[in-house]
């Protein structure tokens, strides 16, 4: 678990528990990465990169590391040359899909409302 996530979890009784959700699921591209893994199952770095073409390799690497540290995805390294690394969702990553689906519904509604006000 990332230190900032651990700190939020330790202090959750005095703060809004939704902050933990935002900390773990929020961030550059995390919902998109989790969605891609939920849809396709096991993916390699290059496959994720192709599915999310606007995402830089640096940001993808950082977000994958954070998601792995927080227990939402598993990273399997195969001992071969060239190295083969696969990513897939853990049980926590799969459970997060419910939250992300609700967030997507809210986001569509919000975006529609903003469009109507213009």
PDB file of N, CA and C in Angstrom:
ATOM      1  N   UNK A   1       0.846  -1.167   0.000  1.00  0.00           N
ATOM      2  CA  UNK A   1       0.000   0.000   0.000  1.00  0.00           C
ATOM      3  C   UNK A   1       0.898   1.239   0.000  1.00  0.00           C
ATOM      4  N   UNK A   2       0.495   2.224  -0.796  1.00  0.00           N
ATOM      5  CA  UNK A   2       1.258   3.465  -0.845  1.00  0.00           C
ATOM      6  C   UNK A   2       1.174   4.177   0.504  1.00  0.00           C
ATOM      7  N   UNK A   3       2.226   4.889   0.893  1.00  0.00           N
ATOM      8  CA  UNK A   3       2.207   5.576   2.197  1.00  0.00           C
ATOM      9  C   UNK A   3       1.025   6.534   2.355  1.00  0.00           C
ATOM     10  N   UNK A   4       0.687   7.290   1.313  1.00  0.00           N
ATOM     11  CA  UNK A   4      -0.425   8.230   1.445  1.00  0.00           C
ATOM     12  C   UNK A   4      -1.761   7.505   1.584  1.00  0.00           C
ATOM     13  N   UNK A   5      -1.895   6.344   0.948  1.00  0.00           N
ATOM     14  CA  UNK A   5      -3.117   5.557   1.099  1.00  0.00           C
ATOM     15  C   UNK A   5      -3.195   4.998   2.510  1.00  0.00           C
ATOM     16  N   UNK A   6      -2.075   4.486   3.003  1.00  0.00           N
ATOM     17  CA  UNK A   6      -2.037   3.933   4.356  1.00  0.00           C
ATOM     18  C   UNK A   6      -2.396   5.003   5.390  1.00  0.00           C
ATOM     19  N   UNK A   7      -1.877   6.211   5.201  1.00  0.00           N
ATOM     20  CA  UNK A   7      -2.184   7.316   6.113  1.00  0.00           C
ATOM     21  C   UNK A   7      -3.677   7.628   6.103  1.00  0.00           C
ATOM     22  N   UNK A   8      -4.283   7.662   4.917  1.00  0.00           N
ATOM     23  CA  UNK A   8      -5.713   7.943   4.807  1.00  0.00           C
ATOM     24  C   UNK A   8      -6.544   6.843   5.456  1.00  0.00           C
ATOM     25  N   UNK A   9      -6.132   5.606   5.277  1.00  0.00           N
ATOM     26  CA  UNK A   9      -6.866   4.485   5.867  1.00  0.00           C
ATOM     27  C   UNK A   9      -6.779   4.545   7.394  1.00  0.00           C
ATOM     28  N   UNK A  10      -5.594   4.871   7.919  1.00  0.00           N
ATOM     29  CA  UNK A  10      -5.444   4.969   9.381  1.00  0.00           C
ATOM     30  C   UNK A  10      -6.310   6.085   9.960  1.00  0.00           C
ATOM     31  N   UNK A  11      -6.490   7.160   9.194  1.00  0.00           N
ATOM     32  CA  UNK A  11      -7.204   8.337   9.701  1.00  0.00           C
ATOM     33  C   UNK A  11      -8.663   8.387   9.255  1.00  0.00           C
ATOM     34  N   UNK A  12      -9.182   7.362   8.629  1.00  0.00           N
ATOM     35  CA  UNK A  12     -10.515   7.452   8.022  1.00  0.00           C
ATOM     36  C   UNK A  12     -11.626   7.757   9.014  1.00  0.00           C
ATOM     37  N   UNK A  13     -11.460   7.408  10.262  1.00  0.00           N
ATOM     38  CA  UNK A  13     -12.526   7.660  11.236  1.00  0.00           C
ATOM     39  C   UNK A  13     -12.758   9.152  11.461  1.00  0.00           C
ATOM     40  N   UNK A  14     -11.747   9.952  11.203  1.00  0.00           N
ATOM     41  CA  UNK A  14     -11.884  11.396  11.436  1.00  0.00           C
ATOM     42  C   UNK A  14     -12.095  12.165  10.139  1.00  0.00           C
ATOM     43  N   UNK A  15     -12.106  11.459   9.045  1.00  0.00           N
ATOM     44  CA  UNK A  15     -12.328  12.140   7.764  1.00  0.00           C
ATOM     45  C   UNK A  15     -13.396  11.390   6.977  1.00  0.00           C
ATOM     46  N   UNK A  16     -13.714  11.889   5.832  1.00  0.00           N
ATOM     47  CA  UNK A  16     -14.718  11.269   4.970  1.00  0.00           C
ATOM     48  C   UNK A  16     -14.116  10.022   4.311  1.00  0.00           C
ATOM     49  N   UNK A  17     -14.757   8.888   4.502  1.00  0.00           N
ATOM     50  CA  UNK A  17     -14.244   7.641   3.924  1.00  0.00           C
ATOM     51  C   UNK A  17     -14.205   7.689   2.402  1.00  0.00           C
ATOM     52  N   UNK A  18     -15.016   8.553   1.798  1.00  0.00           N
ATOM     53  CA  UNK A  18     -14.985   8.698   0.334  1.00  0.00           C
ATOM     54  C   UNK A  18     -13.635   9.220  -0.134  1.00  0.00           C
ATOM     55  N   UNK A  19     -12.907   9.896   0.743  1.00  0.00           N
ATOM     56  CA  UNK A  19     -11.573  10.380   0.391  1.00  0.00           C
ATOM     57  C   UNK A  19     -10.640   9.214   0.079  1.00  0.00           C
ATOM     58  N   UNK A  20     -10.809   8.104   0.787  1.00  0.00           N
ATOM     59  CA  UNK A  20      -9.981   6.920   0.518  1.00  0.00           C
ATOM     60  C   UNK A  20     -10.274   6.406  -0.889  1.00  0.00           C
ATOM     61  N   UNK A  21     -11.549   6.339  -1.238  1.00  0.00           N
ATOM     62  CA  UNK A  21     -11.939   5.911  -2.576  1.00  0.00           C
ATOM     63  C   UNK A  21     -11.327   6.813  -3.627  1.00  0.00           C
ATOM     64  N   UNK A  22     -11.423   8.116  -3.403  1.00  0.00           N
ATOM     65  CA  UNK A  22     -10.863   9.082  -4.347  1.00  0.00           C
ATOM     66  C   UNK A  22      -9.358   8.934  -4.453  1.00  0.00           C
ATOM     67  N   UNK A  23      -8.697   8.696  -3.337  1.00  0.00           N
ATOM     68  CA  UNK A  23      -7.247   8.553  -3.343  1.00  0.00           C
ATOM     69  C   UNK A  23      -6.806   7.313  -4.122  1.00  0.00           C
ATOM     70  N   UNK A  24      -7.506   6.211  -3.927  1.00  0.00           N
ATOM     71  CA  UNK A  24      -7.109   4.958  -4.571  1.00  0.00           C
ATOM     72  C   UNK A  24      -7.525   4.915  -6.038  1.00  0.00           C
ATOM     73  N   UNK A  25      -8.742   5.366  -6.345  1.00  0.00           N
ATOM     74  CA  UNK A  25      -9.252   5.270  -7.714  1.00  0.00           C
ATOM     75  C   UNK A  25      -8.994   6.518  -8.540  1.00  0.00           C
ATOM     76  N   UNK A  26      -8.742   7.634  -7.871  1.00  0.00           N
ATOM     77  CA  UNK A  26      -8.508   8.876  -8.587  1.00  0.00           C
ATOM     78  C   UNK A  26      -7.086   8.945  -9.093  1.00  0.00           C
ATOM     79  N   UNK A  27      -6.868   9.839  -9.999  1.00  0.00           N
ATOM     80  CA  UNK A  27      -5.526   9.992 -10.544  1.00  0.00           C
ATOM     81  C   UNK A  27      -5.571   9.892 -12.041  1.00  0.00           C
ATOM     82  N   UNK A  28      -4.494  10.319 -12.621  1.00  0.00           N
ATOM     83  CA  UNK A  28      -4.417  10.345 -14.075  1.00  0.00           C
ATOM     84  C   UNK A  28      -4.601   8.951 -14.658  1.00  0.00           C
ATOM     85  N   UNK A  29      -5.719   8.740 -15.318  1.00  0.00           N
ATOM     86  CA  UNK A  29      -5.976   7.537 -16.103  1.00  0.00           C
ATOM     87  C   UNK A  29      -6.304   6.280 -15.324  1.00  0.00           C
ATOM     88  N   UNK A  30      -6.335   6.313 -14.007  1.00  0.00           N
ATOM     89  CA  UNK A  30      -6.611   5.076 -13.266  1.00  0.00           C
ATOM     90  C   UNK A  30      -7.954   4.454 -13.636  1.00  0.00           C
ATOM     91  N   UNK A  31      -9.046   5.228 -13.701  1.00  0.00           N
ATOM     92  CA  UNK A  31     -10.313   4.602 -14.096  1.00  0.00           C
ATOM     93  C   UNK A  31     -10.237   3.959 -15.489  1.00  0.00           C
ATOM     94  N   UNK A  32      -9.546   4.601 -16.421  1.00  0.00           N
ATOM     95  CA  UNK A  32      -9.425   4.046 -17.779  1.00  0.00           C
ATOM     96  C   UNK A  32      -8.606   2.762 -17.782  1.00  0.00           C
ATOM     97  N   UNK A  33      -7.553   2.726 -16.989  1.00  0.00           N
ATOM     98  CA  UNK A  33      -6.717   1.518 -16.894  1.00  0.00           C
ATOM     99  C   UNK A  33      -7.530   0.379 -16.292  1.00  0.00           C
ATOM    100  N   UNK A  34      -8.242   0.666 -15.208  1.00  0.00           N
ATOM    101  CA  UNK A  34      -9.059  -0.365 -14.568  1.00  0.00           C
ATOM    102  C   UNK A  34     -10.165  -0.862 -15.494  1.00  0.00           C
ATOM    103  N   UNK A  35     -10.763   0.055 -16.244  1.00  0.00           N
ATOM    104  CA  UNK A  35     -11.807  -0.334 -17.197  1.00  0.00           C
ATOM    105  C   UNK A  35     -11.229  -1.246 -18.283  1.00  0.00           C
ATOM    106  N   UNK A  36     -10.075  -0.897 -18.813  1.00  0.00           N
ATOM    107  CA  UNK A  36      -9.447  -1.718 -19.865  1.00  0.00           C
ATOM    108  C   UNK A  36      -9.142  -3.119 -19.352  1.00  0.00           C
ATOM    109  N   UNK A  37      -8.637  -3.213 -18.135  1.00  0.00           N
ATOM    110  CA  UNK A  37      -8.333  -4.528 -17.569  1.00  0.00           C
ATOM    111  C   UNK A  37      -9.601  -5.317 -17.277  1.00  0.00           C
ATOM    112  N   UNK A  38     -10.656  -4.631 -16.846  1.00  0.00           N
ATOM    113  CA  UNK A  38     -11.930  -5.323 -16.602  1.00  0.00           C
ATOM    114  C   UNK A  38     -12.511  -5.858 -17.903  1.00  0.00           C
ATOM    115  N   UNK A  39     -12.370  -5.092 -18.960  1.00  0.00           N
ATOM    116  CA  UNK A  39     -12.937  -5.480 -20.251  1.00  0.00           C
ATOM    117  C   UNK A  39     -12.123  -6.574 -20.939  1.00  0.00           C
ATOM    118  N   UNK A  40     -10.805  -6.492 -20.857  1.00  0.00           N
ATOM    119  CA  UNK A  40      -9.942  -7.396 -21.623  1.00  0.00           C
ATOM    120  C   UNK A  40      -9.280  -8.488 -20.787  1.00  0.00           C
ATOM    121  N   UNK A  41      -9.375  -8.404 -19.475  1.00  0.00           N
ATOM    122  CA  UNK A  41      -8.744  -9.425 -18.629  1.00  0.00           C
ATOM    123  C   UNK A  41      -7.267  -9.138 -18.445  1.00  0.00           C
ATOM    124  N   UNK A  42      -6.433 -10.019 -18.895  1.00  0.00           N
ATOM    125  CA  UNK A  42      -4.984  -9.885 -18.747  1.00  0.00           C
ATOM    126  C   UNK A  42      -4.432  -9.079 -19.921  1.00  0.00           C
ATOM    127  N   UNK A  43      -3.630  -8.063 -19.598  1.00  0.00           N
ATOM    128  CA  UNK A  43      -3.023  -7.224 -20.639  1.00  0.00           C
ATOM    129  C   UNK A  43      -1.550  -6.982 -20.325  1.00  0.00           C
ATOM    130  N   UNK A  44      -0.784  -6.820 -21.374  1.00  0.00           N
ATOM    131  CA  UNK A  44       0.623  -6.437 -21.239  1.00  0.00           C
ATOM    132  C   UNK A  44       0.726  -4.919 -21.378  1.00  0.00           C
ATOM    133  N   UNK A  45       1.865  -4.376 -21.012  1.00  0.00           N
ATOM    134  CA  UNK A  45       2.076  -2.933 -21.031  1.00  0.00           C
ATOM    135  C   UNK A  45       1.784  -2.348 -22.408  1.00  0.00           C
ATOM    136  N   UNK A  46       2.319  -2.950 -23.452  1.00  0.00           N
ATOM    137  CA  UNK A  46       2.110  -2.447 -24.809  1.00  0.00           C
ATOM    138  C   UNK A  46       0.653  -2.468 -25.219  1.00  0.00           C
ATOM    139  N   UNK A  47      -0.073  -3.490 -24.779  1.00  0.00           N
ATOM    140  CA  UNK A  47      -1.500  -3.566 -25.096  1.00  0.00           C
ATOM    141  C   UNK A  47      -2.272  -2.445 -24.401  1.00  0.00           C
ATOM    142  N   UNK A  48      -1.945  -2.205 -23.145  1.00  0.00           N
ATOM    143  CA  UNK A  48      -2.578  -1.091 -22.431  1.00  0.00           C
ATOM    144  C   UNK A  48      -2.254   0.235 -23.110  1.00  0.00           C
ATOM    145  N   UNK A  49      -1.016   0.380 -23.512  1.00  0.00           N
ATOM    146  CA  UNK A  49      -0.578   1.603 -24.179  1.00  0.00           C
ATOM    147  C   UNK A  49      -1.345   1.826 -25.484  1.00  0.00           C
ATOM    148  N   UNK A  50      -1.577   0.774 -26.238  1.00  0.00           N
ATOM    149  CA  UNK A  50      -2.336   0.894 -27.494  1.00  0.00           C
ATOM    150  C   UNK A  50      -3.814   1.189 -27.238  1.00  0.00           C
ATOM    151  N   UNK A  51      -4.369   0.617 -26.173  1.00  0.00           N
ATOM    152  CA  UNK A  51      -5.773   0.862 -25.845  1.00  0.00           C
ATOM    153  C   UNK A  51      -6.009   2.287 -25.345  1.00  0.00           C
ATOM    154  N   UNK A  52      -4.968   2.896 -24.786  1.00  0.00           N
ATOM    155  CA  UNK A  52      -5.059   4.252 -24.235  1.00  0.00           C
ATOM    156  C   UNK A  52      -3.994   5.124 -24.900  1.00  0.00           C
ATOM    157  N   UNK A  53      -4.179   5.448 -26.173  1.00  0.00           N
ATOM    158  CA  UNK A  53      -3.115   6.088 -26.950  1.00  0.00           C
ATOM    159  C   UNK A  53      -2.707   7.485 -26.483  1.00  0.00           C
ATOM    160  N   UNK A  54      -3.556   8.193 -25.757  1.00  0.00           N
ATOM    161  CA  UNK A  54      -3.192   9.529 -25.275  1.00  0.00           C
ATOM    162  C   UNK A  54      -2.372   9.490 -23.988  1.00  0.00           C
ATOM    163  N   UNK A  55      -2.202   8.317 -23.433  1.00  0.00           N
ATOM    164  CA  UNK A  55      -1.484   8.113 -22.179  1.00  0.00           C
ATOM    165  C   UNK A  55      -0.005   7.897 -22.462  1.00  0.00           C
ATOM    166  N   UNK A  56       0.857   8.677 -21.818  1.00  0.00           N
ATOM    167  CA  UNK A  56       2.297   8.502 -22.028  1.00  0.00           C
ATOM    168  C   UNK A  56       2.780   7.269 -21.268  1.00  0.00           C
ATOM    169  N   UNK A  57       3.874   6.687 -21.728  1.00  0.00           N
ATOM    170  CA  UNK A  57       4.435   5.512 -21.057  1.00  0.00           C
ATOM    171  C   UNK A  57       4.822   5.827 -19.611  1.00  0.00           C
ATOM    172  N   UNK A  58       5.316   7.029 -19.382  1.00  0.00           N
ATOM    173  CA  UNK A  58       5.724   7.421 -18.034  1.00  0.00           C
ATOM    174  C   UNK A  58       4.529   7.442 -17.090  1.00  0.00           C
ATOM    175  N   UNK A  59       3.446   8.048 -17.519  1.00  0.00           N
ATOM    176  CA  UNK A  59       2.245   8.118 -16.675  1.00  0.00           C
ATOM    177  C   UNK A  59       1.647   6.724 -16.496  1.00  0.00           C
ATOM    178  N   UNK A  60       1.603   5.930 -17.553  1.00  0.00           N
ATOM    179  CA  UNK A  60       1.081   4.567 -17.452  1.00  0.00           C
ATOM    180  C   UNK A  60       1.887   3.767 -16.429  1.00  0.00           C
ATOM    181  N   UNK A  61       3.193   3.857 -16.497  1.00  0.00           N
ATOM    182  CA  UNK A  61       4.054   3.145 -15.543  1.00  0.00           C
ATOM    183  C   UNK A  61       3.748   3.573 -14.118  1.00  0.00           C
ATOM    184  N   UNK A  62       3.659   4.882 -13.884  1.00  0.00           N
ATOM    185  CA  UNK A  62       3.404   5.394 -12.538  1.00  0.00           C
ATOM    186  C   UNK A  62       2.041   4.922 -12.018  1.00  0.00           C
ATOM    187  N   UNK A  63       1.014   4.998 -12.870  1.00  0.00           N
ATOM    188  CA  UNK A  63      -0.331   4.610 -12.432  1.00  0.00           C
ATOM    189  C   UNK A  63      -0.422   3.104 -12.185  1.00  0.00           C
ATOM    190  N   UNK A  64       0.236   2.307 -13.020  1.00  0.00           N
ATOM    191  CA  UNK A  64       0.253   0.860 -12.798  1.00  0.00           C
ATOM    192  C   UNK A  64       0.924   0.530 -11.468  1.00  0.00           C
ATOM    193  N   UNK A  65       2.022   1.205 -11.158  1.00  0.00           N
ATOM    194  CA  UNK A  65       2.716   0.971  -9.886  1.00  0.00           C
ATOM    195  C   UNK A  65       1.833   1.328  -8.697  1.00  0.00           C
ATOM    196  N   UNK A  66       1.117   2.466  -8.799  1.00  0.00           N
ATOM    197  CA  UNK A  66       0.235   2.872  -7.707  1.00  0.00           C
ATOM    198  C   UNK A  66      -0.924   1.897  -7.538  1.00  0.00           C
ATOM    199  N   UNK A  67      -1.528   1.474  -8.639  1.00  0.00           N
ATOM    200  CA  UNK A  67      -2.631   0.514  -8.564  1.00  0.00           C
ATOM    201  C   UNK A  67      -2.168  -0.820  -7.994  1.00  0.00           C
ATOM    202  N   UNK A  68      -0.960  -1.234  -8.353  1.00  0.00           N
ATOM    203  CA  UNK A  68      -0.413  -2.475  -7.800  1.00  0.00           C
ATOM    204  C   UNK A  68      -0.135  -2.308  -6.302  1.00  0.00           C
ATOM    205  N   UNK A  69       0.474  -1.191  -5.919  1.00  0.00           N
ATOM    206  CA  UNK A  69       0.792  -0.954  -4.507  1.00  0.00           C
ATOM    207  C   UNK A  69      -0.466  -0.904  -3.655  1.00  0.00           C
ATOM    208  N   UNK A  70      -1.553  -0.369  -4.199  1.00  0.00           N
ATOM    209  CA  UNK A  70      -2.812  -0.283  -3.458  1.00  0.00           C
ATOM    210  C   UNK A  70      -3.645  -1.553  -3.554  1.00  0.00           C
ATOM    211  N   UNK A  71      -3.128  -2.564  -4.258  1.00  0.00           N
ATOM    212  CA  UNK A  71      -3.776  -3.869  -4.273  1.00  0.00           C
ATOM    213  C   UNK A  71      -4.905  -4.044  -5.272  1.00  0.00           C
ATOM    214  N   UNK A  72      -4.999  -3.162  -6.280  1.00  0.00           N
ATOM    215  CA  UNK A  72      -6.074  -3.272  -7.259  1.00  0.00           C
ATOM    216  C   UNK A  72      -5.688  -4.072  -8.491  1.00  0.00           C
ATOM    217  N   UNK A  73      -4.409  -4.193  -8.743  1.00  0.00           N
ATOM    218  CA  UNK A  73      -4.002  -5.033  -9.861  1.00  0.00           C
ATOM    219  C   UNK A  73      -2.803  -5.872  -9.488  1.00  0.00           C
ATOM    220  N   UNK A  74      -2.662  -6.948 -10.234  1.00  0.00           N
ATOM    221  CA  UNK A  74      -1.534  -7.855 -10.019  1.00  0.00           C
ATOM    222  C   UNK A  74      -0.633  -7.769 -11.235  1.00  0.00           C
ATOM    223  N   UNK A  75       0.637  -7.820 -10.955  1.00  0.00           N
ATOM    224  CA  UNK A  75       1.672  -7.759 -11.992  1.00  0.00           C
ATOM    225  C   UNK A  75       2.442  -9.067 -11.932  1.00  0.00           C
ATOM    226  N   UNK A  76       2.449  -9.793 -13.060  1.00  0.00           N
ATOM    227  CA  UNK A  76       3.158 -11.063 -13.131  1.00  0.00           C
ATOM    228  C   UNK A  76       4.301 -10.917 -14.131  1.00  0.00           C
ATOM    229  N   UNK A  77       5.515 -11.184 -13.650  1.00  0.00           N
ATOM    230  CA  UNK A  77       6.702 -11.113 -14.507  1.00  0.00           C
ATOM    231  C   UNK A  77       7.135 -12.537 -14.824  1.00  0.00           C
ATOM    232  N   UNK A  78       7.247 -12.834 -16.115  1.00  0.00           N
ATOM    233  CA  UNK A  78       7.676 -14.158 -16.548  1.00  0.00           C
ATOM    234  C   UNK A  78       9.179 -14.132 -16.814  1.00  0.00           C
ATOM    235  N   UNK A  79       9.904 -15.124 -16.296  1.00  0.00           N
ATOM    236  CA  UNK A  79      11.361 -15.157 -16.463  1.00  0.00           C
ATOM    237  C   UNK A  79      11.756 -15.627 -17.866  1.00  0.00           C
ATOM    238  N   UNK A  80      11.764 -14.704 -18.789  1.00  0.00           N
ATOM    239  CA  UNK A  80      12.146 -15.030 -20.160  1.00  0.00           C
ATOM    240  C   UNK A  80      12.787 -13.801 -20.786  1.00  0.00           C
ATOM    241  N   UNK A  81      13.398 -14.004 -21.916  1.00  0.00           N
ATOM    242  CA  UNK A  81      14.023 -12.901 -22.658  1.00  0.00           C
ATOM    243  C   UNK A  81      13.352 -12.814 -24.010  1.00  0.00           C
ATOM    244  N   UNK A  82      12.798 -11.659 -24.386  1.00  0.00           N
ATOM    245  CA  UNK A  82      12.671 -10.449 -23.564  1.00  0.00           C
ATOM    246  C   UNK A  82      11.660 -10.660 -22.453  1.00  0.00           C
ATOM    247  N   UNK A  83      11.736  -9.828 -21.405  1.00  0.00           N
ATOM    248  CA  UNK A  83      10.824 -10.006 -20.274  1.00  0.00           C
ATOM    249  C   UNK A  83       9.364  -9.875 -20.698  1.00  0.00           C
ATOM    250  N   UNK A  84       8.538 -10.669 -20.081  1.00  0.00           N
ATOM    251  CA  UNK A  84       7.099 -10.614 -20.338  1.00  0.00           C
ATOM    252  C   UNK A  84       6.415 -10.263 -19.019  1.00  0.00           C
ATOM    253  N   UNK A  85       5.627  -9.183 -19.019  1.00  0.00           N
ATOM    254  CA  UNK A  85       4.917  -8.734 -17.821  1.00  0.00           C
ATOM    255  C   UNK A  85       3.448  -8.613 -18.173  1.00  0.00           C
ATOM    256  N   UNK A  86       2.600  -9.197 -17.338  1.00  0.00           N
ATOM    257  CA  UNK A  86       1.162  -9.131 -17.549  1.00  0.00           C
ATOM    258  C   UNK A  86       0.484  -8.497 -16.337  1.00  0.00           C
ATOM    259  N   UNK A  87      -0.572  -7.739 -16.626  1.00  0.00           N
ATOM    260  CA  UNK A  87      -1.354  -7.070 -15.591  1.00  0.00           C
ATOM    261  C   UNK A  87      -2.778  -7.597 -15.621  1.00  0.00           C
ATOM    262  N   UNK A  88      -3.350  -7.775 -14.438  1.00  0.00           N
ATOM    263  CA  UNK A  88      -4.754  -8.178 -14.329  1.00  0.00           C
ATOM    264  C   UNK A  88      -5.308  -7.618 -13.026  1.00  0.00           C
ATOM    265  N   UNK A  89      -6.629  -7.611 -12.916  1.00  0.00           N
ATOM    266  CA  UNK A  89      -7.271  -7.080 -11.723  1.00  0.00           C
ATOM    267  C   UNK A  89      -7.231  -8.091 -10.586  1.00  0.00           C
ATOM    268  N   UNK A  90      -7.063  -7.584  -9.385  1.00  0.00           N
ATOM    269  CA  UNK A  90      -7.240  -8.396  -8.185  1.00  0.00           C
ATOM    270  C   UNK A  90      -8.728  -8.351  -7.825  1.00  0.00           C
ATOM    271  N   UNK A  91      -9.092  -8.995  -6.747  1.00  0.00           N
ATOM    272  CA  UNK A  91     -10.481  -8.943  -6.289  1.00  0.00           C
ATOM    273  C   UNK A  91     -10.882  -7.499  -5.974  1.00  0.00           C
ATOM    274  N   UNK A  92      -9.968  -6.727  -5.383  1.00  0.00           N
ATOM    275  CA  UNK A  92     -10.262  -5.317  -5.098  1.00  0.00           C
ATOM    276  C   UNK A  92     -10.445  -4.527  -6.378  1.00  0.00           C
ATOM    277  N   UNK A  93      -9.661  -4.828  -7.389  1.00  0.00           N
ATOM    278  CA  UNK A  93      -9.814  -4.151  -8.676  1.00  0.00           C
ATOM    279  C   UNK A  93     -11.143  -4.487  -9.327  1.00  0.00           C
ATOM    280  N   UNK A  94     -11.543  -5.741  -9.219  1.00  0.00           N
ATOM    281  CA  UNK A  94     -12.841  -6.145  -9.769  1.00  0.00           C
ATOM    282  C   UNK A  94     -13.981  -5.476  -9.001  1.00  0.00           C
ATOM    283  N   UNK A  95     -13.865  -5.418  -7.673  1.00  0.00           N
ATOM    284  CA  UNK A  95     -14.899  -4.770  -6.860  1.00  0.00           C
ATOM    285  C   UNK A  95     -15.006  -3.277  -7.164  1.00  0.00           C
ATOM    286  N   UNK A  96     -13.911  -2.675  -7.557  1.00  0.00           N
ATOM    287  CA  UNK A  96     -13.904  -1.234  -7.862  1.00  0.00           C
ATOM    288  C   UNK A  96     -14.759  -0.918  -9.085  1.00  0.00           C
ATOM    289  N   UNK A  97     -15.052  -1.898  -9.915  1.00  0.00           N
ATOM    290  CA  UNK A  97     -15.839  -1.652 -11.119  1.00  0.00           C
ATOM    291  C   UNK A  97     -17.223  -1.121 -10.784  1.00  0.00           C
ATOM    292  N   UNK A  98     -17.811  -1.582  -9.689  1.00  0.00           N
ATOM    293  CA  UNK A  98     -19.127  -1.072  -9.281  1.00  0.00           C
ATOM    294  C   UNK A  98     -19.065   0.426  -9.012  1.00  0.00           C
ATOM    295  N   UNK A  99     -18.038   0.835  -8.303  1.00  0.00           N
ATOM    296  CA  UNK A  99     -17.858   2.253  -7.981  1.00  0.00           C
ATOM    297  C   UNK A  99     -17.626   3.048  -9.261  1.00  0.00           C
ATOM    298  N   UNK A 100     -16.773   2.537 -10.130  1.00  0.00           N
ATOM    299  CA  UNK A 100     -16.465   3.239 -11.376  1.00  0.00           C
ATOM    300  C   UNK A 100     -17.696   3.341 -12.277  1.00  0.00           C
ATOM    301  N   UNK A 101     -18.533   2.317 -12.285  1.00  0.00           N
ATOM    302  CA  UNK A 101     -19.766   2.372 -13.081  1.00  0.00           C
ATOM    303  C   UNK A 101     -20.704   3.464 -12.569  1.00  0.00           C
ATOM    304  N   UNK A 102     -20.843   3.571 -11.254  1.00  0.00           N
ATOM    305  CA  UNK A 102     -21.681   4.616 -10.670  1.00  0.00           C
ATOM    306  C   UNK A 102     -21.083   5.990 -10.980  1.00  0.00           C
ATOM    307  N   UNK A 103     -19.763   6.100 -10.890  1.00  0.00           N
ATOM    308  CA  UNK A 103     -19.106   7.367 -11.217  1.00  0.00           C
ATOM    309  C   UNK A 103     -19.327   7.731 -12.688  1.00  0.00           C
ATOM    310  N   UNK A 104     -19.325   6.745 -13.566  1.00  0.00           N
ATOM    311  CA  UNK A 104     -19.547   7.003 -14.997  1.00  0.00           C
ATOM    312  C   UNK A 104     -20.964   7.518 -15.239  1.00  0.00           C
ATOM    313  N   UNK A 105     -21.946   6.941 -14.562  1.00  0.00           N
ATOM    314  CA  UNK A 105     -23.325   7.415 -14.692  1.00  0.00           C
ATOM    315  C   UNK A 105     -23.410   8.867 -14.230  1.00  0.00           C
ATOM    316  N   UNK A 106     -22.816   9.160 -13.083  1.00  0.00           N
ATOM    317  CA  UNK A 106     -22.827  10.521 -12.564  1.00  0.00           C
ATOM    318  C   UNK A 106     -22.113  11.474 -13.533  1.00  0.00           C
ATOM    319  N   UNK A 107     -20.972  11.043 -14.059  1.00  0.00           N
ATOM    320  CA  UNK A 107     -20.212  11.876 -14.985  1.00  0.00           C
ATOM    321  C   UNK A 107     -20.983  12.198 -16.251  1.00  0.00           C
ATOM    322  N   UNK A 108     -21.672  11.202 -16.806  1.00  0.00           N
ATOM    323  CA  UNK A 108     -22.493  11.456 -18.005  1.00  0.00           C
ATOM    324  C   UNK A 108     -23.607  12.444 -17.700  1.00  0.00           C
ATOM    325  N   UNK A 109     -24.253  12.276 -16.552  1.00  0.00           N
ATOM    326  CA  UNK A 109     -25.328  13.176 -16.150  1.00  0.00           C
ATOM    327  C   UNK A 109     -24.799  14.597 -15.950  1.00  0.00           C
ATOM    328  N   UNK A 110     -23.689  14.710 -15.307  1.00  0.00           N
ATOM    329  CA  UNK A 110     -23.092  16.018 -15.062  1.00  0.00           C
ATOM    330  C   UNK A 110     -22.707  16.685 -16.376  1.00  0.00           C
ATOM    331  N   UNK A 111     -22.059  15.944 -17.269  1.00  0.00           N
ATOM    332  CA  UNK A 111     -21.645  16.490 -18.556  1.00  0.00           C
ATOM    333  C   UNK A 111     -22.865  16.948 -19.365  1.00  0.00           C
ATOM    334  N   UNK A 112     -23.941  16.170 -19.345  1.00  0.00           N
ATOM    335  CA  UNK A 112     -25.163  16.552 -20.048  1.00  0.00           C
ATOM    336  C   UNK A 112     -25.745  17.836 -19.478  1.00  0.00           C
ATOM    337  N   UNK A 113     -25.722  17.956 -18.168  1.00  0.00           N
ATOM    338  CA  UNK A 113     -26.234  19.146 -17.507  1.00  0.00           C
ATOM    339  C   UNK A 113     -25.415  20.377 -17.870  1.00  0.00           C
ATOM    340  N   UNK A 114     -24.118  20.226 -17.918  1.00  0.00           N
ATOM    341  CA  UNK A 114     -23.242  21.339 -18.318  1.00  0.00           C
ATOM    342  C   UNK A 114     -23.523  21.734 -19.755  1.00  0.00           C
ATOM    343  N   UNK A 115     -23.683  20.752 -20.637  1.00  0.00           N
ATOM    344  CA  UNK A 115     -23.979  21.034 -22.045  1.00  0.00           C
ATOM    345  C   UNK A 115     -25.301  21.793 -22.191  1.00  0.00           C
ATOM    346  N   UNK A 116     -26.294  21.410 -21.391  1.00  0.00           N
ATOM    347  CA  UNK A 116     -27.613  22.060 -21.465  1.00  0.00           C
ATOM    348  C   UNK A 116     -27.548  23.502 -21.004  1.00  0.00           C
ATOM    349  N   UNK A 117     -26.670  23.806 -20.067  1.00  0.00           N
ATOM    350  CA  UNK A 117     -26.553  25.174 -19.549  1.00  0.00           C
ATOM    351  C   UNK A 117     -25.809  26.104 -20.499  1.00  0.00           C
ATOM    352  N   UNK A 118     -25.142  25.554 -21.487  1.00  0.00           N
ATOM    353  CA  UNK A 118     -24.369  26.388 -22.409  1.00  0.00           C
ATOM    354  C   UNK A 118     -25.229  26.993 -23.425  1.00  0.00           C
TER     355      UNK A 118
END
